[in-house]
Amino acid sequence: MGNLESGVQRTVQVIDNDPTTWSLEHVEALWRRHQAGAHGFGLHRKEIKEIVRAIFPDAKKDVVGDMIWPRFAEYDSGGEVNALEVLGGLAVVSQGSLEGKANFVLRLFDFNQVGSLS
C-alpha cells in the first residue's frame, strides 16, 4: 500500500511552512539566493528568514521559527545555523528524485567545482 506504479507522478500541494512539500527546485532557489547575498556558512535567524521570504513572499507562517531553526540551531552556535546543513537537510526532505537530490548535495559541497568532494 502507498506505492505508486512506475511512471505515475503524484501532485503535492506546496505549503510554504512545510518543507516536505517543497520541490527540489525551491531548495535550489534558496541556495541561489544564499549565494547572491554573499552570505557566509553561518546564518543568523534574520538572514535565513530573508532568504526564505524571497522564495516564499506570501508565506503565512514563520517556517524558519517553526520548522528550520529548532532543527538546525545548536545551543552553542552563537545564534547561527550552518547554511550548508540547512540546505542539505531541506534537499533530503524535498520533493524530487533521489538522483536530483544527490546531484544537488554534491554541487552544494563541491567547493572546488570539479565534480567531486575533497
Protein backbone atom coordinates (compact mmCIF):
# COMPACT_ATOMS: atom_id res chain seq x y z
CA MET A 1 0.00 0.00 0.00
CA GLY A 2 1.10 3.53 -0.67
CA ASN A 3 3.40 2.62 -3.56
CA LEU A 4 2.78 4.27 -6.89
CA GLU A 5 3.09 2.47 -10.16
CA SER A 6 6.27 3.17 -12.07
CA GLY A 7 6.00 6.37 -14.08
CA VAL A 8 2.99 7.71 -12.18
CA GLN A 9 3.56 11.20 -10.84
CA ARG A 10 1.78 12.40 -7.74
CA THR A 11 0.88 16.02 -7.21
CA VAL A 12 1.90 17.60 -3.92
CA GLN A 13 0.42 20.90 -2.88
CA VAL A 14 3.23 23.24 -1.85
CA ILE A 15 2.67 24.54 1.65
CA ASP A 16 5.07 27.38 2.36
CA ASN A 17 5.57 26.41 6.01
CA ASP A 18 6.10 22.69 5.33
CA PRO A 19 9.49 21.97 3.71
CA THR A 20 8.45 18.37 2.97
CA THR A 21 6.09 19.77 0.32
CA TRP A 22 8.75 21.95 -1.30
CA SER A 23 10.25 20.83 -4.58
CA LEU A 24 13.97 20.42 -5.02
CA GLU A 25 13.72 23.49 -7.27
CA HIS A 26 12.56 25.53 -4.24
CA VAL A 27 15.64 24.40 -2.30
CA GLU A 28 17.90 25.21 -5.26
CA ALA A 29 16.30 28.68 -5.40
CA LEU A 30 17.11 29.15 -1.71
CA TRP A 31 20.72 28.18 -2.44
CA ARG A 32 20.97 30.65 -5.34
CA ARG A 33 19.52 33.37 -3.11
CA HIS A 34 22.06 32.50 -0.41
CA GLN A 35 24.91 32.72 -2.92
CA ALA A 36 23.65 36.01 -4.39
CA GLY A 37 23.58 37.55 -0.92
CA ALA A 38 27.25 36.72 -0.32
CA HIS A 39 26.34 35.12 2.98
CA GLY A 40 28.86 33.03 4.85
CA PHE A 41 28.39 29.49 6.08
CA GLY A 42 26.80 30.70 9.31
CA LEU A 43 23.39 32.34 9.03
CA HIS A 44 21.59 34.28 11.72
CA ARG A 45 17.85 33.79 12.06
CA LYS A 46 17.15 37.14 10.35
CA GLU A 47 19.31 36.23 7.34
CA ILE A 48 17.69 32.87 6.77
CA LYS A 49 14.24 34.45 7.15
CA GLU A 50 15.12 36.97 4.42
CA ILE A 51 16.28 34.17 2.10
CA VAL A 52 13.13 32.10 2.68
CA ARG A 53 10.89 35.17 2.35
CA ALA A 54 12.43 35.89 -1.08
CA ILE A 55 11.33 32.45 -2.32
CA PHE A 56 8.01 32.36 -0.45
CA PRO A 57 6.98 36.04 -0.27
CA ASP A 58 3.35 35.25 0.61
CA ALA A 59 4.12 32.80 3.40
CA LYS A 60 1.52 32.99 6.14
CA LYS A 61 3.58 31.30 8.85
CA ASP A 62 7.14 31.52 10.12
CA VAL A 63 8.76 28.39 8.65
CA VAL A 64 12.16 29.46 9.96
CA GLY A 65 10.99 29.87 13.54
CA ASP A 66 8.61 26.92 13.49
CA MET A 67 10.48 24.31 11.45
CA ILE A 68 14.02 25.19 10.40
CA TRP A 69 15.58 26.96 13.37
CA PRO A 70 14.58 24.39 16.03
CA ARG A 71 16.04 21.56 13.95
CA PHE A 72 19.34 23.14 12.93
CA ALA A 73 20.34 25.69 15.58
CA GLU A 74 22.71 24.35 18.20
CA TYR A 75 22.73 25.76 21.70
CA ASP A 76 26.38 26.86 21.39
CA SER A 77 26.24 28.07 17.79
CA GLY A 78 26.41 31.75 18.61
CA GLY A 79 22.95 32.32 17.17
CA GLU A 80 23.74 30.88 13.75
CA VAL A 81 22.84 27.83 11.70
CA ASN A 82 25.14 26.22 9.15
CA ALA A 83 23.72 27.18 5.75
CA LEU A 84 25.01 24.03 4.06
CA GLU A 85 23.48 21.77 6.71
CA VAL A 86 20.14 23.54 6.32
CA LEU A 87 20.17 23.39 2.52
CA GLY A 88 21.31 19.76 2.51
CA GLY A 89 18.63 18.82 5.03
CA LEU A 90 15.93 20.64 3.07
CA ALA A 91 17.05 18.86 -0.10
CA VAL A 92 16.70 15.47 1.60
CA VAL A 93 13.09 16.10 2.67
CA SER A 94 12.06 17.95 -0.51
CA GLN A 95 10.01 16.52 -3.34
CA GLY A 96 12.37 15.26 -6.03
CA SER A 97 14.22 12.26 -7.32
CA LEU A 98 16.99 10.65 -5.32
CA GLU A 99 19.37 11.33 -8.20
CA GLY A 100 18.40 15.01 -8.31
CA LYS A 101 18.86 15.38 -4.57
CA ALA A 102 22.26 13.63 -4.68
CA ASN A 103 23.40 15.88 -7.54
CA PHE A 104 22.28 18.98 -5.66
CA VAL A 105 24.06 17.99 -2.45
CA LEU A 106 27.23 17.20 -4.44
CA ARG A 107 27.12 20.68 -6.01
CA LEU A 108 26.41 22.19 -2.61
CA PHE A 109 29.57 20.69 -1.08
CA ASP A 110 31.79 20.77 -4.20
CA PHE A 111 33.74 23.86 -3.16
CA ASN A 112 36.31 23.48 -5.95
CA GLN A 113 33.61 22.97 -8.60
CA VAL A 114 35.38 19.94 -10.06
CA GLY A 115 32.55 17.42 -9.70
CA SER A 116 33.94 15.68 -6.62
CA LEU A 117 34.30 16.14 -2.90
CA SER A 118 37.71 16.76 -1.44
